[in-house]
Protein backbone atom coordinates (compact mmCIF):
# COMPACT_ATOMS: atom_id res chain seq x y z
CA MET A 1 -61.23 38.43 -12.77
CA LYS A 2 -58.45 39.82 -10.61
CA HIS A 3 -56.49 37.28 -8.51
CA VAL A 4 -55.73 38.40 -4.95
CA ARG A 5 -54.56 37.11 -1.61
CA VAL A 6 -56.56 38.00 1.52
CA ASN A 7 -55.42 37.75 5.15
CA VAL A 8 -58.44 37.52 7.47
CA ARG A 9 -57.73 38.19 11.14
CA SER A 10 -59.73 36.63 13.97
CA VAL A 11 -59.25 35.56 17.63
CA ALA A 12 -58.41 32.08 18.94
CA ASN A 13 -60.46 30.56 21.74
CA THR A 14 -57.70 30.33 24.39
CA LYS A 15 -60.27 29.49 27.09
CA ALA A 16 -60.87 26.11 25.42
CA VAL A 17 -57.21 25.07 25.09
CA ARG A 18 -56.50 21.41 25.79
CA LYS A 19 -53.37 19.25 26.01
CA GLU A 20 -52.84 15.76 24.61
CA LYS A 21 -50.22 13.10 23.99
CA ARG A 22 -49.72 12.04 20.37
CA ASN A 23 -47.19 9.39 19.48
CA GLY A 24 -45.61 9.99 22.86
CA ARG A 25 -45.27 13.73 22.19
CA ASP A 26 -46.95 16.59 24.06
CA VAL A 27 -49.20 18.81 21.96
CA VAL A 28 -51.29 21.86 22.76
CA ILE A 29 -54.57 22.26 20.85
CA VAL A 30 -56.03 25.75 20.40
CA PRO A 31 -59.52 26.07 18.86
CA SER A 32 -60.03 28.91 16.40
CA ALA A 33 -62.47 30.07 13.73
CA THR A 34 -62.50 32.04 10.51
CA LEU A 35 -64.85 33.09 7.69
CA PRO A 36 -68.56 33.26 8.52
CA ASP A 37 -70.92 32.70 5.59
CA ASN A 38 -71.62 35.77 3.43
CA ILE A 39 -69.27 38.00 5.45
CA ILE A 40 -68.38 41.33 3.82
CA MET A 41 -64.91 42.80 4.46
CA ASN A 42 -63.22 45.64 2.62
CA GLY A 43 -66.00 45.67 0.04
CA ILE A 44 -65.65 41.93 -0.73
CA MET A 45 -68.40 39.39 -0.07
CA TYR A 46 -67.44 35.79 0.69
CA PRO A 47 -70.53 33.73 -0.34
CA ALA A 48 -71.56 30.70 1.68
CA ASP A 49 -71.40 28.41 -1.37
CA GLU A 50 -67.83 29.49 -2.21
CA ILE A 51 -66.72 28.93 1.39
CA GLY A 52 -68.51 25.58 1.41
CA LYS A 53 -66.60 24.44 -1.67
CA SER A 54 -63.17 25.44 -0.32
CA PHE A 55 -62.97 25.36 3.48
CA ALA A 56 -61.64 21.77 3.55
CA THR A 57 -58.42 23.00 1.89
CA LEU A 58 -57.43 24.39 5.31
CA ASN A 59 -57.01 20.88 6.73
CA ARG A 60 -53.37 19.96 7.48
CA THR A 61 -52.09 23.35 6.36
CA PRO A 62 -49.25 25.09 8.26
CA ALA A 63 -50.02 27.41 11.18
CA PRO A 64 -46.92 29.62 11.05
CA LEU A 65 -46.08 32.40 13.46
CA GLY A 66 -47.12 35.40 11.37
CA HIS A 67 -47.52 35.51 7.60
CA PRO A 68 -44.19 34.54 5.98
CA MET A 69 -42.58 37.35 3.99
CA ILE A 70 -39.53 37.32 1.71
CA ASN A 71 -38.00 40.64 0.72
CA GLY A 72 -41.09 42.46 1.98
CA LYS A 73 -43.56 40.32 0.02
CA PHE A 74 -46.00 37.75 1.38
CA VAL A 75 -45.38 34.16 0.28
CA SER A 76 -47.17 30.86 0.74
CA ALA A 77 -46.67 29.23 4.14
CA SER A 78 -45.86 26.03 2.22
CA ASP A 79 -43.01 27.70 0.31
CA PRO A 80 -39.66 26.22 1.49
CA GLU A 81 -38.37 29.63 2.56
CA GLY A 82 -41.74 30.45 4.07
CA ILE A 83 -41.53 27.29 6.19
CA ASN A 84 -38.05 28.24 7.41
CA LEU A 85 -39.28 31.69 8.41
CA GLY A 86 -42.49 30.89 10.28
CA TYR A 87 -42.66 27.24 11.29
CA ILE A 88 -43.00 26.64 15.05
CA GLY A 89 -44.27 23.06 14.93
CA ALA A 90 -47.93 24.06 14.46
CA TRP A 91 -50.55 23.03 11.92
CA ASN A 92 -54.31 23.20 11.32
CA GLU A 93 -56.66 20.24 11.53
CA ASN A 94 -60.21 19.16 12.40
CA VAL A 95 -61.55 21.73 9.95
CA ARG A 96 -65.35 21.82 9.83
CA ARG A 97 -68.20 24.15 9.01
CA GLU A 98 -70.86 24.64 11.68
CA ASP A 99 -73.66 27.18 12.05
CA GLY A 100 -72.45 29.12 9.03
CA ARG A 101 -68.83 29.43 10.10
CA VAL A 102 -65.52 27.62 9.61
CA PHE A 103 -63.92 26.16 12.75
CA LEU A 104 -60.53 24.52 13.07
CA ASP A 105 -57.95 23.45 15.67
CA LYS A 106 -54.35 24.56 15.86
CA VAL A 107 -52.09 21.74 17.03
CA ILE A 108 -48.72 22.83 18.44
CA ASP A 109 -45.94 20.30 19.07
CA VAL A 110 -44.49 21.47 22.40
CA GLU A 111 -40.98 20.12 21.81
CA VAL A 112 -40.68 21.70 18.35
CA ALA A 113 -42.18 25.00 19.55
CA ASN A 114 -39.57 25.21 22.31
CA ARG A 115 -36.78 25.15 19.73
CA SER A 116 -37.47 28.77 18.71
CA GLN A 117 -38.11 31.95 20.65
CA GLY A 118 -41.28 32.55 18.67
CA GLY A 119 -42.61 29.13 19.59
CA LYS A 120 -41.77 29.70 23.26
CA ASP A 121 -43.59 33.04 23.17
CA VAL A 122 -46.71 31.41 21.72
CA LEU A 123 -46.74 28.69 24.40
CA ALA A 124 -46.22 31.29 27.14
CA ALA A 125 -49.10 33.44 25.87
CA ILE A 126 -51.41 30.42 25.74
CA GLU A 127 -50.39 29.33 29.24
CA LYS A 128 -51.15 32.81 30.62
CA GLY A 129 -54.49 32.94 28.83
CA GLU A 130 -53.48 36.03 26.88
CA PRO A 131 -55.34 36.94 23.66
CA VAL A 132 -53.98 35.02 20.68
CA HIS A 133 -54.98 36.23 17.22
CA THR A 134 -55.08 34.14 14.09
CA SER A 135 -55.05 35.19 10.45
CA THR A 136 -56.22 33.06 7.55
CA GLY A 137 -54.30 33.46 4.30
CA LEU A 138 -56.44 32.66 1.26
CA LEU A 139 -56.33 33.11 -2.50
CA ALA A 140 -59.39 34.12 -4.52
CA ASN A 141 -60.62 35.65 -7.73
CA LEU A 142 -62.60 38.89 -7.41
CA GLU A 143 -65.77 39.14 -9.46
CA ALA A 144 -66.94 42.74 -9.89
CA VAL A 145 -70.46 43.64 -8.75
CA ALA A 146 -72.23 46.71 -10.08
CA ASN A 147 -75.57 46.90 -8.26
CA ALA A 148 -74.69 46.17 -4.61
CA SER A 149 -74.62 48.96 -2.02
CA ASP A 150 -72.47 47.18 0.58
CA HIS A 151 -69.81 45.44 -1.55
CA LYS A 152 -68.00 45.86 -4.86
CA HIS A 153 -66.67 42.33 -5.41
CA ILE A 154 -67.55 38.69 -4.78
CA ALA A 155 -64.79 36.22 -3.88
CA ARG A 156 -64.76 33.22 -6.21
CA ASN A 157 -62.58 30.08 -6.46
CA ILE A 158 -61.31 30.43 -2.89
CA VAL A 159 -58.26 28.37 -1.90
CA PHE A 160 -56.96 28.50 1.68
CA ASP A 161 -53.17 28.61 2.05
CA HIS A 162 -52.72 28.63 5.84
CA ASP A 163 -54.03 29.97 9.13
CA ALA A 164 -51.29 31.85 10.96
CA ILE A 165 -50.79 32.57 14.66
CA LEU A 166 -50.24 36.25 15.47
CA LEU A 167 -48.57 37.69 18.59
CA GLY A 168 -48.22 41.44 18.95
CA GLU A 169 -48.69 41.85 15.21
CA ALA A 170 -51.04 44.38 13.66
CA GLY A 171 -50.51 43.25 10.08
CA ALA A 172 -53.91 41.82 9.26
CA ALA A 173 -55.86 44.06 11.62
CA THR A 174 -55.95 47.01 9.25
CA PRO A 175 -57.33 47.29 5.71
CA GLU A 176 -53.98 48.35 4.26
CA GLN A 177 -52.97 46.57 1.09
CA GLY A 178 -49.63 44.93 0.33
CA VAL A 179 -47.94 42.73 -2.24
CA GLY A 180 -47.62 38.95 -2.32
CA MET A 181 -45.95 36.40 -4.58
CA LEU A 182 -47.62 33.42 -6.23
CA VAL A 183 -46.08 30.63 -8.29
CA ASN A 184 -48.02 30.32 -11.55
CA ALA A 185 -48.53 27.29 -13.80
CA LYS A 186 -45.19 27.90 -15.52
CA GLY A 187 -43.31 27.75 -12.24
CA GLU A 188 -42.70 31.49 -12.33
CA GLN A 189 -43.34 33.89 -9.48
CA GLU A 190 -45.85 36.64 -10.10
CA GLU A 191 -46.87 39.49 -7.85
CA ILE A 192 -50.45 39.66 -6.60
CA GLU A 193 -52.33 42.19 -4.53
CA VAL A 194 -52.70 41.40 -0.81
CA ILE A 195 -55.72 42.63 1.16
CA ASN A 196 -55.65 42.59 4.96
CA SER A 197 -59.04 42.25 6.63
CA SER A 198 -60.39 41.80 10.14
CA LEU A 199 -63.68 40.33 11.31
CA THR A 200 -65.72 43.15 12.87
CA GLU A 201 -66.70 41.03 15.87
CA GLU A 202 -63.05 41.11 16.98
CA ALA A 203 -63.25 44.86 17.52
CA ASP A 204 -66.49 44.37 19.47
CA ARG A 205 -64.81 41.81 21.73
CA GLU A 206 -61.86 44.12 22.40
CA ILE A 207 -64.18 47.02 23.24
CA ASP A 208 -66.17 44.78 25.59
CA TRP A 209 -62.97 43.56 27.23
CA ALA A 210 -61.63 47.09 27.76
CA GLY A 211 -64.98 48.32 29.08
CA THR A 212 -65.24 45.43 31.54
CA ARG A 213 -61.74 46.08 32.87
CA LEU A 214 -62.57 49.79 33.32
CA VAL A 215 -65.76 49.05 35.24
CA GLU A 216 -63.95 46.59 37.51
CA ALA A 217 -61.19 49.12 38.20
CA LEU A 218 -63.71 51.83 39.11
CA ARG A 219 -65.55 49.44 41.41
CA ARG A 220 -62.32 48.46 43.18
CA ARG A 221 -61.44 52.11 43.67
CA GLU A 222 -64.92 52.87 45.04
CA ASN A 223 -64.85 49.85 47.36
CA ILE A 224 -61.52 50.98 48.86
CA GLY A 225 -63.13 54.29 49.86
CA ILE A 226 -66.14 52.48 51.31
CA TRP A 227 -63.94 50.18 53.39
CA ASP A 228 -62.05 53.18 54.81
CA LYS A 229 -65.37 54.60 55.98
CA VAL A 230 -66.51 51.27 57.45
CA LYS A 231 -63.19 50.76 59.26
CA ALA A 232 -63.27 54.28 60.72
CA ALA A 233 -66.83 53.72 61.95
CA ILE A 234 -65.87 50.41 63.61
CA MET A 235 -62.75 51.89 65.21
CA GLU A 236 -64.81 54.75 66.60
CA ALA A 237 -67.50 52.36 67.85
CA VAL A 238 -65.07 50.22 69.86
CA GLY A 239 -63.13 53.23 71.11
CA SER A 240 -59.94 52.23 69.30
CA GLY A 241 -59.20 55.61 67.83
CA ARG A 242 -56.50 56.28 70.42
CA VAL A 243 -53.02 55.06 69.62
CA PRO A 244 -51.65 52.84 72.45
CA SER A 245 -48.52 53.96 74.23
CA THR A 246 -45.23 52.28 73.35
CA ASN A 247 -43.19 54.09 76.00
CA ARG A 248 -42.37 51.46 78.64
CA LYS A 249 -41.06 54.03 81.17
CA GLU A 250 -44.35 55.90 80.99
CA ASP A 251 -46.28 52.64 81.49
CA GLU A 252 -44.21 51.75 84.57
CA MET A 253 -44.80 55.11 86.36
CA PRO A 254 -46.74 54.81 89.65
CA VAL A 255 -50.49 55.55 89.45
CA SER A 256 -52.11 57.92 91.95
CA ASP A 257 -55.48 57.23 93.63
CA GLU A 258 -57.12 59.89 91.47
CA GLN A 259 -55.67 58.38 88.29
CA PHE A 260 -56.70 54.89 89.40
CA LYS A 261 -60.30 56.05 90.02
CA SER A 262 -60.42 57.75 86.63
CA LEU A 263 -59.09 54.62 84.94
CA SER A 264 -61.65 52.45 86.76
CA ASP A 265 -64.46 54.71 85.55
CA GLU A 266 -63.20 54.38 81.95
CA VAL A 267 -63.05 50.60 82.24
CA LYS A 268 -66.61 50.53 83.62
CA THR A 269 -67.84 52.73 80.78
CA LEU A 270 -66.00 50.59 78.21
CA SER A 271 -67.50 47.38 79.71
CA GLU A 272 -70.98 48.82 79.40
CA GLY A 273 -70.21 49.76 75.81
CA PHE A 274 -69.07 46.22 74.96
CA SER A 275 -72.52 44.89 75.81
CA LYS A 276 -73.92 46.91 72.91
CA ILE A 277 -70.91 46.64 70.58
CA GLY A 278 -72.64 44.26 68.16
CA GLU A 279 -75.53 46.65 67.66
CA THR A 280 -73.16 49.63 67.33
CA ILE A 281 -70.98 47.96 64.69
CA SER A 282 -74.03 46.74 62.78
CA ASN A 283 -75.48 50.25 62.66
CA ALA A 284 -72.14 51.72 61.61
CA VAL A 285 -71.65 49.19 58.81
CA THR A 286 -75.25 49.60 57.59
CA THR A 287 -74.86 53.40 57.47
CA ALA A 288 -71.55 53.17 55.59
CA LEU A 289 -72.87 50.63 53.07
CA LYS A 290 -76.21 52.32 52.42
CA PRO A 291 -74.98 54.30 49.37
CA VAL A 292 -73.63 51.08 47.82
CA LEU A 293 -76.82 49.14 48.49
CA ASP A 294 -78.93 51.95 47.06
CA GLN A 295 -76.73 52.08 43.96
CA GLN A 296 -76.95 48.31 43.53
CA ALA A 297 -80.73 48.43 43.81
CA GLU A 298 -80.85 51.15 41.17
CA MET A 299 -78.60 49.13 38.84
CA VAL A 300 -80.81 46.05 39.27
CA ALA A 301 -83.90 48.11 38.49
CA ASN A 302 -82.28 49.67 35.41
CA GLN A 303 -81.10 46.28 34.14
CA LYS A 304 -84.57 44.82 34.60
CA ALA A 305 -86.04 47.68 32.60
CA LYS A 306 -83.52 47.08 29.80
CA ASP A 307 -84.19 43.33 29.84
CA ASP A 308 -87.94 43.92 29.70
CA ALA A 309 -87.55 46.29 26.76
CA GLU A 310 -85.26 43.85 24.93
CA HIS A 311 -87.68 41.00 25.66
CA ALA A 312 -90.57 42.96 24.17
CA ASP A 313 -88.52 43.86 21.09
CA LEU A 314 -87.42 40.24 20.54
CA VAL A 315 -90.99 39.00 20.96
CA THR A 316 -92.02 41.31 18.12
CA LYS A 317 -89.18 40.06 15.89
CA ILE A 318 -89.81 36.40 16.66
CA VAL A 319 -93.54 36.73 15.98
CA LYS A 320 -92.95 38.62 12.72
CA ALA A 321 -90.53 35.91 11.62
CA ASN A 322 -93.22 33.26 12.35
CA VAL A 323 -90.86 31.43 14.70
CA LEU A 324 -93.34 31.46 17.63
CA ASP A 325 -96.83 32.73 18.24
CA GLU A 326 -97.17 35.85 20.41
CA GLU A 327 -98.39 34.10 23.55
CA THR A 328 -95.58 31.54 23.49
CA ALA A 329 -92.97 34.20 22.66
CA LYS A 330 -94.03 36.33 25.63
CA ALA A 331 -93.62 33.34 27.95
CA THR A 332 -90.20 32.47 26.56
CA PRO A 333 -87.09 33.51 28.63
CA LEU A 334 -84.91 36.32 27.30
CA ASN A 335 -81.84 34.15 26.60
CA THR A 336 -83.93 31.72 24.54
CA LEU A 337 -85.42 34.60 22.56
CA ARG A 338 -81.93 35.89 21.80
CA ALA A 339 -80.93 32.53 20.35
CA LEU A 340 -84.14 32.29 18.34
CA ALA A 341 -83.65 35.83 17.02
CA LYS A 342 -80.27 34.83 15.59
CA SER A 343 -81.76 31.87 13.78
CA ALA A 344 -84.42 34.17 12.37
CA GLU A 345 -81.77 36.31 10.65
CA PRO A 346 -80.13 34.22 7.88
CA GLY A 347 -76.63 35.19 6.82
CA LYS A 348 -75.56 36.60 10.17
CA ALA A 349 -72.20 35.35 11.51
CA ALA A 350 -72.51 32.96 14.43
CA PRO A 351 -70.37 33.60 17.54
CA LEU A 352 -67.23 31.60 18.34
CA ASN A 353 -68.41 28.14 19.38
CA PRO A 354 -66.48 26.67 22.34
CA ALA A 355 -67.71 23.14 21.49
CA PHE A 356 -65.26 21.26 19.31
CA LYS A 357 -65.61 17.79 17.78
CA GLY A 358 -62.98 15.13 17.17
CA ASN A 359 -60.74 14.99 14.13
CA SER A 360 -62.68 14.86 10.90
CA GLY A 361 -60.21 12.60 9.16
CA ASP A 362 -60.60 14.80 6.09
CA LYS A 363 -57.08 15.40 4.84
CA PRO A 364 -57.15 16.94 1.35
CA THR A 365 -53.86 17.82 -0.31
CA TYR A 366 -53.18 21.55 -0.59
CA LYS A 367 -52.36 22.88 -4.03
CA LEU A 368 -51.91 26.49 -5.08
CA PRO A 369 -54.18 27.51 -7.98
CA GLU A 370 -52.82 27.98 -11.42
CA GLY A 371 -52.22 31.53 -12.53
CA GLU A 372 -54.33 33.29 -15.04
């Protein structure tokens, strides 16, 4: 079987970052996740049993900034030169497997991180809540598969080397292949193929994020136009469309009887108007906002139709999977049906779980596998 290294890119959960004191030192803890059970990437399947046998090897491994490279070749993050290149005072711990996925925490020593520009950049990105990517470096043997339509190999004998922090780096986001170095049983370095992969859900999250930002921008632009209309209607209603004079000499000119009478009539008319100003402004605002209210009502109706259709579809799936009977399924809320539908589909990757437990205390010693 061919021996390869795989870098699997994912996204850290920066919304669940927490800060602690350890041995009198400030640390920042960033939850992250990697391989879901039976995931297929670049034609390689990572079976649940293989992940189950190996995920603990991630505990207490380095969390370097980027994948260390020497002379253009990937090396182990535990290699002395690799440590010098990527260490920012960060490591992985609290590794566990929940709901068919591997979760872990990245612990960053604040003082050590501030000794390098890379470490400072990571802390700044976390503080701002910016997206922080991670990339798991693992070693595996590839077992060829002949009769599978969606993959050509199965990963066997997986050993995790590290889980890196990525900032502004596209390295493991594309399926391009590279070259890495591995120390074999004789203490010699041998070249191995490197495969860069990315969990598909990351792309979905980025598309959702971009789409949400676009919708918000369009709404802000539309609301600005609506406010201009509302303001103009109010100004017209209170008779404030005329710009007041700023010429003091003009204001101090004597007023004739005819001008005084005309001004008195205007004041009387304005006073009568003030008695109905509340009704006038209300009508103006209602007229200006009517298109928005109509659009909102239409959106609510469309969303309800989509929810009803999804509810009916999920009821069918849940009933077919013998999770609930039809009557109970129809009475079950949509969000609950969504969760039940996931449990009715074995092998599907679970979403990033924001709930994190305490340290597992499991601290196996990392060892690179012997060469073939």
